[in-house]
N, C-alpha and C. Protein backbone atom coordinates (compact mmCIF):
# COMPACT_ATOMS: atom_id res chain seq x y z
N MET A 1 -6.78 4.69 -20.34
CA MET A 1 -5.72 5.66 -20.29
C MET A 1 -6.24 6.87 -21.24
N ILE A 2 -5.66 8.20 -20.76
CA ILE A 2 -5.99 9.18 -21.59
C ILE A 2 -4.96 9.60 -22.52
N ASN A 3 -5.35 9.72 -23.66
CA ASN A 3 -4.32 9.87 -24.86
C ASN A 3 -4.24 11.37 -25.04
N SER A 4 -5.00 12.26 -25.05
CA SER A 4 -5.01 13.70 -25.21
C SER A 4 -5.94 14.36 -24.81
N TYR A 5 -5.84 15.78 -24.49
CA TYR A 5 -6.87 16.72 -24.12
C TYR A 5 -6.10 17.92 -24.71
N SER A 6 -7.46 18.68 -25.32
CA SER A 6 -7.04 20.15 -25.81
C SER A 6 -8.52 20.59 -25.43
N PHE A 7 -8.70 21.95 -25.54
CA PHE A 7 -9.88 22.80 -25.24
C PHE A 7 -10.97 21.94 -25.90
N GLY A 8 -12.12 21.36 -25.39
CA GLY A 8 -13.20 20.80 -25.93
C GLY A 8 -13.29 19.46 -26.45
N GLN A 9 -11.83 18.94 -25.91
CA GLN A 9 -11.72 17.48 -26.60
C GLN A 9 -10.83 16.73 -25.68
N MET A 10 -11.24 15.27 -25.63
CA MET A 10 -10.36 14.29 -24.85
C MET A 10 -10.01 13.16 -25.84
N GLY A 11 -8.97 12.73 -25.65
CA GLY A 11 -8.79 10.95 -26.30
C GLY A 11 -8.62 10.41 -25.38
N ILE A 12 -9.43 9.26 -25.49
CA ILE A 12 -9.22 7.92 -24.41
C ILE A 12 -9.37 6.89 -25.09
N ASN A 13 -8.31 6.20 -25.04
CA ASN A 13 -7.98 4.58 -25.66
C ASN A 13 -8.51 4.84 -27.34
N GLY A 14 -8.05 5.71 -27.79
CA GLY A 14 -8.17 6.00 -29.28
C GLY A 14 -9.46 6.44 -29.81
N ARG A 15 -10.33 6.84 -28.81
CA ARG A 15 -11.90 7.40 -29.09
C ARG A 15 -11.56 8.85 -28.63
N THR A 16 -12.16 9.67 -29.33
CA THR A 16 -12.38 11.31 -29.32
C THR A 16 -13.55 11.39 -28.58
N TYR A 17 -13.64 12.16 -27.30
CA TYR A 17 -15.15 12.78 -26.97
C TYR A 17 -14.67 14.26 -27.01
N ALA A 18 -15.71 14.91 -27.16
CA ALA A 18 -16.16 16.23 -27.29
C ALA A 18 -17.24 16.64 -26.39
N SER A 19 -17.36 16.24 -25.37
CA SER A 19 -18.20 16.66 -24.45
C SER A 19 -17.78 16.23 -22.84
N ASP A 20 -18.29 17.22 -22.28
CA ASP A 20 -17.74 16.45 -20.57
C ASP A 20 -18.03 15.07 -20.45
N LEU A 21 -17.34 14.71 -19.51
CA LEU A 21 -17.36 13.25 -19.15
C LEU A 21 -16.88 12.64 -18.03
N ILE A 22 -17.28 11.39 -17.51
CA ILE A 22 -16.90 10.69 -16.45
C ILE A 22 -16.20 9.32 -16.84
N ILE A 23 -15.17 9.13 -16.07
CA ILE A 23 -14.38 7.98 -15.85
C ILE A 23 -14.59 7.28 -15.01
N TYR A 24 -15.29 5.96 -14.95
CA TYR A 24 -15.40 5.24 -13.81
C TYR A 24 -14.05 4.42 -13.31
N PRO A 25 -14.39 3.88 -12.49
CA PRO A 25 -12.77 3.10 -12.07
C PRO A 25 -12.68 1.64 -12.78
N ASP A 26 -13.60 0.97 -13.48
CA ASP A 26 -13.75 0.03 -14.56
C ASP A 26 -13.31 0.38 -15.65
N GLY A 27 -13.06 1.86 -16.17
CA GLY A 27 -12.56 2.44 -17.34
C GLY A 27 -13.78 2.59 -18.34
N HIS A 28 -14.90 2.49 -17.87
CA HIS A 28 -16.23 2.96 -18.66
C HIS A 28 -16.40 4.21 -18.79
N VAL A 29 -16.51 4.74 -20.12
CA VAL A 29 -16.64 6.39 -20.01
C VAL A 29 -17.98 6.72 -20.39
N GLU A 30 -18.69 7.73 -19.70
CA GLU A 30 -19.90 8.26 -19.66
C GLU A 30 -19.79 9.67 -20.57
N ASP A 31 -20.26 9.90 -21.44
CA ASP A 31 -19.76 11.08 -22.16
C ASP A 31 -21.40 11.96 -22.03
N HIS A 32 -21.23 13.12 -22.58
CA HIS A 32 -22.55 13.99 -22.52
C HIS A 32 -22.68 14.26 -21.23
N TRP A 33 -22.02 14.42 -20.23
CA TRP A 33 -22.04 14.54 -18.70
C TRP A 33 -22.44 16.04 -18.69
N TRP A 34 -23.56 16.29 -17.75
CA TRP A 34 -23.91 17.66 -17.39
C TRP A 34 -24.10 17.59 -15.81
N ARG A 35 -24.06 18.77 -15.36
CA ARG A 35 -24.22 19.07 -14.08
C ARG A 35 -25.34 19.84 -13.55
N GLU A 36 -26.12 19.61 -12.67
CA GLU A 36 -27.44 20.34 -12.11
C GLU A 36 -27.32 21.98 -12.17
N GLU A 37 -25.97 22.59 -11.85
CA GLU A 37 -26.05 23.81 -11.76
C GLU A 37 -24.50 24.47 -12.64
N GLY A 38 -24.35 24.00 -13.71
CA GLY A 38 -23.44 24.47 -14.66
C GLY A 38 -21.92 24.28 -14.47
N HIS A 39 -21.44 24.94 -13.67
CA HIS A 39 -20.16 25.16 -13.11
C HIS A 39 -19.88 25.04 -11.45
N ALA A 40 -20.99 24.54 -11.07
CA ALA A 40 -21.08 23.76 -9.75
C ALA A 40 -21.25 22.38 -9.58
N LEU A 41 -20.29 21.69 -8.76
CA LEU A 41 -20.16 20.28 -9.08
C LEU A 41 -20.86 19.62 -7.69
N CYS A 42 -21.92 19.11 -7.57
CA CYS A 42 -22.24 18.53 -6.54
C CYS A 42 -22.75 16.95 -6.71
N GLU A 43 -22.85 16.49 -5.41
CA GLU A 43 -23.36 15.07 -4.96
C GLU A 43 -24.27 14.34 -6.02
N GLY A 44 -25.18 15.14 -6.25
CA GLY A 44 -26.11 14.52 -7.52
C GLY A 44 -25.61 14.33 -8.84
N ASP A 45 -24.58 15.33 -9.11
CA ASP A 45 -23.87 15.34 -10.64
C ASP A 45 -22.81 13.74 -10.71
N ILE A 46 -22.30 13.42 -9.80
CA ILE A 46 -21.48 12.03 -9.49
C ILE A 46 -22.04 10.95 -8.89
N THR A 47 -23.28 10.70 -8.68
CA THR A 47 -23.79 9.88 -7.78
C THR A 47 -23.46 8.35 -8.03
N TYR A 48 -23.67 8.28 -9.48
CA TYR A 48 -22.99 6.65 -9.41
C TYR A 48 -21.61 6.68 -9.63
N LEU A 49 -20.60 7.70 -9.86
CA LEU A 49 -19.25 7.30 -9.50
C LEU A 49 -18.99 7.23 -8.27
N ILE A 50 -19.54 7.91 -7.33
CA ILE A 50 -19.26 7.86 -5.89
C ILE A 50 -19.77 6.08 -5.39
N ALA A 51 -20.84 5.87 -5.88
CA ALA A 51 -21.44 4.46 -5.90
C ALA A 51 -20.47 3.52 -6.23
N ALA A 52 -19.64 3.62 -7.45
CA ALA A 52 -18.69 3.02 -7.72
C ALA A 52 -17.26 2.59 -6.64
N ALA A 53 -17.46 3.31 -5.53
CA ALA A 53 -16.75 3.31 -4.59
C ALA A 53 -15.22 3.62 -4.90
N PRO A 54 -14.75 4.35 -5.64
CA PRO A 54 -13.21 4.35 -5.81
C PRO A 54 -12.61 5.00 -4.72
N GLU A 55 -11.20 4.85 -4.77
CA GLU A 55 -10.50 5.32 -3.87
C GLU A 55 -9.90 6.70 -3.85
N CYS A 56 -10.20 7.33 -4.98
CA CYS A 56 -9.98 8.78 -5.17
C CYS A 56 -10.80 9.10 -6.53
N ILE A 57 -11.28 10.54 -6.35
CA ILE A 57 -11.69 10.79 -7.48
C ILE A 57 -11.18 12.12 -7.82
N ILE A 58 -10.96 12.39 -9.10
CA ILE A 58 -10.28 13.32 -10.04
C ILE A 58 -10.97 14.02 -10.77
N VAL A 59 -11.09 15.59 -10.40
CA VAL A 59 -11.86 16.31 -11.02
C VAL A 59 -11.07 17.72 -11.72
N GLY A 60 -11.59 17.55 -13.20
CA GLY A 60 -10.85 18.35 -13.95
C GLY A 60 -11.75 19.51 -14.33
N THR A 61 -11.41 20.72 -14.01
CA THR A 61 -12.22 21.90 -13.77
C THR A 61 -12.13 22.55 -14.89
N GLY A 62 -11.70 22.12 -15.94
CA GLY A 62 -11.62 22.79 -17.44
C GLY A 62 -10.20 23.46 -17.40
N ALA A 63 -10.13 24.00 -18.83
CA ALA A 63 -8.66 24.79 -19.03
C ALA A 63 -8.55 25.87 -18.37
N TYR A 64 -9.56 26.67 -17.50
CA TYR A 64 -9.50 27.74 -17.03
C TYR A 64 -9.82 27.51 -15.54
N GLY A 65 -10.23 26.52 -15.05
CA GLY A 65 -10.63 25.99 -13.92
C GLY A 65 -11.62 26.65 -13.55
N LEU A 66 -13.00 26.81 -14.37
CA LEU A 66 -14.21 27.12 -13.77
C LEU A 66 -15.12 26.38 -13.06
N LEU A 67 -14.72 25.16 -13.14
CA LEU A 67 -15.70 24.14 -12.37
C LEU A 67 -15.24 24.10 -11.03
N GLU A 68 -16.27 24.34 -9.89
CA GLU A 68 -16.03 24.13 -8.61
C GLU A 68 -16.88 23.03 -7.73
N ALA A 69 -16.11 22.43 -6.86
CA ALA A 69 -16.73 21.37 -6.19
C ALA A 69 -17.37 22.34 -5.00
N GLU A 70 -18.78 22.06 -4.47
CA GLU A 70 -19.58 22.45 -3.54
C GLU A 70 -18.90 21.99 -2.40
N PRO A 71 -18.78 22.49 -1.18
CA PRO A 71 -18.25 22.30 0.18
C PRO A 71 -19.10 21.24 0.50
N GLU A 72 -20.16 20.89 0.50
CA GLU A 72 -20.81 19.59 0.80
C GLU A 72 -20.24 18.43 0.00
N LEU A 73 -20.03 18.47 -1.29
CA LEU A 73 -19.71 17.17 -1.84
C LEU A 73 -18.19 16.98 -1.53
N VAL A 74 -17.09 18.16 -1.07
CA VAL A 74 -15.99 17.72 -0.50
C VAL A 74 -16.09 17.27 0.93
N ASN A 75 -16.89 17.58 1.62
CA ASN A 75 -17.44 16.76 3.20
C ASN A 75 -17.84 15.52 2.99
N LEU A 76 -18.62 15.28 1.92
CA LEU A 76 -18.99 13.91 1.71
C LEU A 76 -18.20 12.77 1.25
N LEU A 77 -16.99 13.35 0.47
CA LEU A 77 -16.01 12.37 0.19
C LEU A 77 -15.05 12.24 1.02
N ALA A 78 -14.75 13.30 1.85
CA ALA A 78 -13.77 12.96 3.23
C ALA A 78 -14.38 12.06 3.77
N ASP A 79 -15.93 12.14 4.15
CA ASP A 79 -16.11 11.45 5.33
C ASP A 79 -16.32 9.88 4.85
N ARG A 80 -16.37 9.61 3.53
CA ARG A 80 -16.43 8.37 2.89
C ARG A 80 -14.85 7.83 2.59
N GLN A 81 -14.06 8.59 2.95
CA GLN A 81 -12.46 8.44 2.95
C GLN A 81 -12.03 7.94 1.17
N ILE A 82 -12.78 8.91 0.30
CA ILE A 82 -12.69 9.22 -1.20
C ILE A 82 -11.62 10.21 -1.12
N GLU A 83 -10.39 9.91 -1.69
CA GLU A 83 -9.45 11.03 -1.73
C GLU A 83 -9.94 12.01 -2.99
N LEU A 84 -9.88 13.16 -2.95
CA LEU A 84 -10.61 14.17 -3.77
C LEU A 84 -9.15 14.89 -4.17
N HIS A 85 -9.35 14.95 -5.81
CA HIS A 85 -8.12 15.90 -6.30
C HIS A 85 -8.99 16.86 -7.38
N ILE A 86 -8.80 18.05 -7.31
CA ILE A 86 -9.50 18.92 -8.27
C ILE A 86 -8.26 20.24 -8.79
N LEU A 87 -8.15 19.69 -9.66
CA LEU A 87 -7.30 20.44 -10.83
C LEU A 87 -7.75 20.99 -12.22
N PRO A 88 -7.16 22.08 -12.92
CA PRO A 88 -7.44 22.22 -14.24
C PRO A 88 -7.46 21.06 -15.01
N THR A 89 -7.99 20.83 -16.02
CA THR A 89 -8.23 19.37 -16.80
C THR A 89 -6.82 18.75 -17.46
N GLY A 90 -6.21 19.64 -17.58
CA GLY A 90 -4.88 19.30 -18.37
C GLY A 90 -4.19 18.68 -17.50
N ASP A 91 -3.85 18.99 -16.25
CA ASP A 91 -3.34 18.64 -14.98
C ASP A 91 -4.15 17.55 -14.52
N ALA A 92 -5.11 17.34 -14.42
CA ALA A 92 -5.89 16.28 -13.92
C ALA A 92 -5.77 15.16 -14.98
N MET A 93 -5.71 15.11 -16.14
CA MET A 93 -5.59 14.24 -17.26
C MET A 93 -4.31 13.69 -16.54
N ASN A 94 -2.98 14.33 -16.45
CA ASN A 94 -1.77 13.93 -16.19
C ASN A 94 -1.75 13.14 -14.98
N LEU A 95 -2.54 13.39 -13.82
CA LEU A 95 -2.65 12.89 -12.34
C LEU A 95 -3.69 11.58 -12.66
N TYR A 96 -4.55 11.79 -13.64
CA TYR A 96 -5.31 10.30 -13.77
C TYR A 96 -4.41 9.42 -14.50
N ASN A 97 -3.65 9.69 -15.48
CA ASN A 97 -2.79 8.79 -16.04
C ASN A 97 -1.89 7.72 -15.13
N LYS A 98 -1.34 8.75 -14.24
CA LYS A 98 -0.53 8.57 -13.00
C LYS A 98 -1.28 7.60 -12.01
N LEU A 99 -2.34 7.49 -11.71
CA LEU A 99 -2.69 6.98 -10.51
C LEU A 99 -3.72 5.80 -10.98
N HIS A 100 -4.17 5.87 -12.16
CA HIS A 100 -5.16 4.97 -12.47
C HIS A 100 -4.27 3.55 -12.64
N LYS A 101 -3.04 3.43 -12.96
CA LYS A 101 -2.48 2.35 -12.63
C LYS A 101 -2.03 1.52 -11.44
N THR A 102 -2.57 2.46 -10.53
CA THR A 102 -2.30 1.69 -9.04
C THR A 102 -3.33 1.85 -8.19
N GLN A 103 -4.43 2.52 -8.47
CA GLN A 103 -5.48 2.92 -7.50
C GLN A 103 -6.67 2.75 -8.47
N LYS A 104 -7.86 2.67 -7.54
CA LYS A 104 -9.32 2.51 -8.05
C LYS A 104 -9.58 4.10 -8.26
N VAL A 105 -9.61 4.50 -9.33
CA VAL A 105 -9.85 5.70 -9.49
C VAL A 105 -10.96 5.91 -10.56
N GLY A 106 -11.82 7.26 -10.13
CA GLY A 106 -12.93 7.51 -10.90
C GLY A 106 -12.39 9.17 -11.24
N ALA A 107 -13.01 9.49 -12.34
CA ALA A 107 -12.77 10.98 -12.70
C ALA A 107 -13.69 11.56 -13.35
N CYS A 108 -13.91 13.10 -13.43
CA CYS A 108 -15.07 13.51 -14.21
C CYS A 108 -14.19 15.05 -14.64
N PHE A 109 -14.31 14.84 -15.98
CA PHE A 109 -13.62 16.06 -16.51
C PHE A 109 -14.59 17.27 -17.47
N HIS A 110 -14.56 18.26 -17.09
CA HIS A 110 -14.94 19.38 -17.65
C HIS A 110 -14.07 19.74 -18.93
N LEU A 111 -14.48 19.69 -20.00
CA LEU A 111 -13.34 20.08 -21.33
C LEU A 111 -13.54 21.07 -21.78
N THR A 112 -14.20 22.22 -21.63
CA THR A 112 -14.00 23.95 -21.99
C THR A 112 -13.67 24.54 -20.87
N CYS A 113 -14.37 25.46 -20.63
CA CYS A 113 -13.82 26.48 -19.74
C CYS A 113 -13.49 26.27 -18.48
């Protein structure tokens, strides 16, 4: 469960993270997550998350929504029947906390802009 989010920080299960991160369906957190193209999210950025076969993936696009999913990634996830939610990070956190209780959810969060 995500306990808190503020610009540049996210609290998960009592630990504070200060870098972009991925949460896998089993609850494992990968911090210091970097993308190939900064504010563009592509398949290569979340290969292991996709391989974990979540029912849905939640993308936190940052406080101001600057992270954008590449159309090819959106199409790939649709083809694999993985539901995709793309929201500003605060809203994405709330959705994650709601859905992870009943679904196999993965998420990736941009914590700053």
